[in-house]
Amino acid sequence: MQMVKKIIGGFFLLLIFLVVFAPKEQIYYLLEKKLYQEDKIVISDEKFHDNLLGFSIENANIYFEDIYIAKIESLNLKMFFLYNQLTINSVTTDKGMQKILPKSIDNLSATYSILQPDKVIIKGVGSFGELQGYIDINKVFIRIVNPKNISSLRQFLKKDKEGFYYEKSFR
């Protein structure tokens, strides 16, 4: 019994050391490079800050195929072994993009929990109202709760008796 406790304790200690001492900045720049190679998305002018259990980015500009899309004031990734959270605050889109994108996103969070291992829960507030949804292996589902100004998003949304929603299947 003591041997099992030592093995389990050692495993969790190893996980803690991996998260705390991981080269987070190098991982971030590797992901940024992959975004550019696959989707031609560039994140520039950001300030990277390494935290104990994650990292944060401030004042990032987003470009798609060399066209300015938006500015993100802050992005925080927190990794807590069995619960991870990505929070994005104050996204402001370029005036030329506001016909197809929302004007602003005040707060957007994506949460992964071991209690629901097949889903990433999404919540947000912006110029369009509130959104709630999830991403799983098969699809993306986002419901707009209390819609405000959805004219730019209307072409992507469907309507049912509960309101507006976006749904995309990966199959």
Protein backbone atom coordinates (compact mmCIF):
# COMPACT_ATOMS: atom_id res chain seq x y z
CA MET A 1 0.00 0.00 0.00
CA GLN A 2 2.86 2.39 0.79
CA MET A 3 4.41 1.67 -2.61
CA VAL A 4 1.17 2.63 -4.39
CA LYS A 5 0.98 5.92 -2.44
CA LYS A 6 4.59 6.72 -3.37
CA ILE A 7 3.98 5.99 -7.05
CA ILE A 8 0.82 8.12 -7.18
CA GLY A 9 2.49 10.92 -5.21
CA GLY A 10 5.53 10.78 -7.49
CA PHE A 11 3.32 10.95 -10.56
CA PHE A 12 1.53 14.09 -9.32
CA LEU A 13 4.81 15.66 -8.30
CA LEU A 14 6.14 15.00 -11.81
CA LEU A 15 3.06 16.68 -13.30
CA ILE A 16 3.58 19.73 -11.09
CA PHE A 17 7.22 20.02 -12.12
CA LEU A 18 6.32 19.62 -15.81
CA VAL A 19 3.80 22.47 -15.68
CA VAL A 20 5.90 24.81 -13.53
CA PHE A 21 9.17 24.31 -15.40
CA ALA A 22 7.82 23.84 -18.94
CA PRO A 23 9.31 26.18 -21.55
CA LYS A 24 6.01 28.06 -21.96
CA GLU A 25 7.41 30.84 -24.12
CA GLN A 26 8.94 28.41 -26.62
CA ILE A 27 5.68 26.44 -26.75
CA TYR A 28 3.73 29.65 -27.39
CA TYR A 29 6.00 30.72 -30.25
CA LEU A 30 5.82 27.22 -31.74
CA LEU A 31 2.01 27.46 -31.71
CA GLU A 32 2.21 30.93 -33.24
CA LYS A 33 4.40 29.58 -36.04
CA LYS A 34 1.94 26.76 -36.68
CA LEU A 35 -0.94 29.25 -36.88
CA TYR A 36 0.94 31.15 -39.56
CA GLN A 37 1.88 28.07 -41.57
CA GLU A 38 -1.60 26.54 -41.60
CA ASP A 39 -3.98 29.51 -41.52
CA LYS A 40 -1.84 32.58 -42.37
CA ILE A 41 -2.70 34.13 -38.98
CA VAL A 42 -0.02 36.36 -37.46
CA ILE A 43 0.04 37.56 -33.86
CA SER A 44 2.40 40.50 -33.46
CA ASP A 45 3.54 43.21 -31.03
CA GLU A 46 2.53 41.09 -28.04
CA LYS A 47 4.20 41.14 -24.64
CA PHE A 48 4.65 37.64 -23.22
CA HIS A 49 4.62 37.02 -19.45
CA ASP A 50 5.46 33.63 -17.96
CA ASN A 51 3.46 32.72 -14.84
CA LEU A 52 3.89 29.84 -12.44
CA LEU A 53 0.98 27.80 -13.84
CA GLY A 54 0.52 29.34 -17.28
CA PHE A 55 1.25 32.47 -19.23
CA SER A 56 -0.31 35.76 -20.32
CA ILE A 57 -0.05 37.93 -23.40
CA GLU A 58 -0.83 41.63 -23.59
CA ASN A 59 -1.50 44.05 -26.45
CA ALA A 60 -1.47 41.58 -29.33
CA ASN A 61 -2.41 42.54 -32.87
CA ILE A 62 -4.03 39.87 -35.06
CA TYR A 63 -3.46 39.76 -38.82
CA PHE A 64 -5.02 37.36 -41.33
CA GLU A 65 -3.17 37.17 -44.66
CA ASP A 66 -1.48 40.53 -43.88
CA ILE A 67 -4.82 42.25 -43.17
CA TYR A 68 -5.24 43.77 -39.71
CA ILE A 69 -8.20 42.08 -37.98
CA ALA A 70 -8.22 42.88 -34.27
CA LYS A 71 -6.36 43.91 -31.14
CA ILE A 72 -6.41 41.75 -28.00
CA GLU A 73 -5.70 43.59 -24.76
CA SER A 74 -4.96 40.46 -22.72
CA LEU A 75 -4.95 36.68 -23.02
CA ASN A 76 -4.36 34.43 -20.00
CA LEU A 77 -3.83 30.69 -20.00
CA LYS A 78 -4.01 28.95 -16.63
CA MET A 79 -3.09 25.28 -16.39
CA PHE A 80 -4.29 23.55 -13.24
CA PHE A 81 -3.66 19.87 -14.04
CA LEU A 82 -7.31 18.75 -14.13
CA TYR A 83 -8.81 22.16 -14.99
CA ASN A 84 -7.46 24.54 -17.64
CA GLN A 85 -8.79 27.96 -18.58
CA LEU A 86 -8.08 30.36 -21.42
CA THR A 87 -9.42 33.90 -20.86
CA ILE A 88 -9.35 36.64 -23.49
CA ASN A 89 -10.23 40.21 -22.50
CA SER A 90 -11.01 43.28 -24.61
CA VAL A 91 -10.87 42.26 -28.25
CA THR A 92 -11.51 45.21 -30.57
CA THR A 93 -11.93 44.54 -34.27
CA ASP A 94 -10.76 46.85 -37.02
CA LYS A 95 -13.43 49.20 -38.39
CA GLY A 96 -13.16 47.60 -41.84
CA MET A 97 -13.86 44.16 -40.35
CA GLN A 98 -16.90 45.16 -38.30
CA LYS A 99 -19.27 44.26 -41.15
CA ILE A 100 -18.40 40.57 -40.77
CA LEU A 101 -17.08 40.40 -37.19
CA PRO A 102 -18.49 41.76 -33.92
CA LYS A 103 -17.25 45.22 -32.89
CA SER A 104 -15.83 44.02 -29.63
CA ILE A 105 -15.59 41.08 -27.28
CA ASP A 106 -15.34 42.16 -23.67
CA ASN A 107 -14.60 38.75 -22.19
CA LEU A 108 -14.28 35.26 -23.66
CA SER A 109 -13.33 32.14 -21.74
CA ALA A 110 -12.74 28.55 -22.77
CA THR A 111 -12.59 25.98 -19.96
CA TYR A 112 -11.53 22.36 -19.99
CA SER A 113 -12.30 20.18 -16.99
CA ILE A 114 -11.62 16.54 -16.30
CA LEU A 115 -15.27 16.30 -15.19
CA GLN A 116 -16.26 16.72 -18.87
CA PRO A 117 -13.25 15.35 -20.73
CA ASP A 118 -14.91 15.46 -24.15
CA LYS A 119 -15.92 19.15 -24.08
CA VAL A 120 -14.42 22.61 -23.89
CA ILE A 121 -17.00 25.02 -22.43
CA ILE A 122 -17.13 28.52 -23.95
CA LYS A 123 -18.65 31.66 -22.39
CA GLY A 124 -18.39 35.25 -23.49
CA VAL A 125 -19.77 38.77 -23.48
CA GLY A 126 -19.42 41.32 -26.25
CA SER A 127 -21.16 43.83 -28.47
CA PHE A 128 -23.37 40.97 -29.75
CA GLY A 129 -24.66 40.05 -26.27
CA GLU A 130 -23.74 36.94 -24.31
CA LEU A 131 -22.67 33.61 -25.70
CA GLN A 132 -22.55 30.14 -24.22
CA GLY A 133 -21.49 26.96 -25.90
CA TYR A 134 -19.06 24.12 -26.24
CA ILE A 135 -16.59 22.45 -28.55
CA ASP A 136 -16.34 18.69 -28.56
CA ILE A 137 -14.82 16.09 -30.86
CA ASN A 138 -17.73 16.21 -33.30
CA LYS A 139 -19.02 19.77 -33.33
CA VAL A 140 -19.02 23.39 -32.22
CA PHE A 141 -22.23 24.76 -30.70
CA ILE A 142 -22.60 28.39 -29.60
CA ARG A 143 -25.85 30.00 -28.44
CA ILE A 144 -26.28 33.78 -28.35
CA VAL A 145 -28.09 34.66 -25.12
CA ASN A 146 -29.78 38.08 -24.99
CA PRO A 147 -28.64 39.18 -28.47
CA LYS A 148 -27.86 42.88 -28.86
CA ASN A 149 -26.24 43.78 -32.17
CA ILE A 150 -25.92 40.62 -34.25
CA SER A 151 -26.31 42.14 -37.71
CA SER A 152 -22.70 41.30 -38.61
CA LEU A 153 -23.11 37.70 -37.38
CA ARG A 154 -26.63 37.10 -38.70
CA GLN A 155 -25.43 35.33 -41.86
CA PHE A 156 -23.69 32.64 -39.76
CA LEU A 157 -26.49 32.09 -37.23
CA LYS A 158 -29.56 29.85 -37.26
CA LYS A 159 -32.71 30.46 -35.28
CA ASP A 160 -34.86 28.14 -33.18
CA LYS A 161 -37.46 28.66 -30.46
CA GLU A 162 -34.73 29.40 -27.87
CA GLY A 163 -33.03 32.06 -29.99
CA PHE A 164 -29.97 32.33 -32.24
CA TYR A 165 -27.20 29.75 -32.41
CA TYR A 166 -24.19 28.67 -34.45
CA GLU A 167 -23.50 25.01 -35.07
CA LYS A 168 -20.81 23.32 -37.11
CA SER A 169 -20.18 19.60 -37.36
CA PHE A 170 -16.72 18.17 -38.01
CA ARG A 171 -18.04 15.04 -39.71
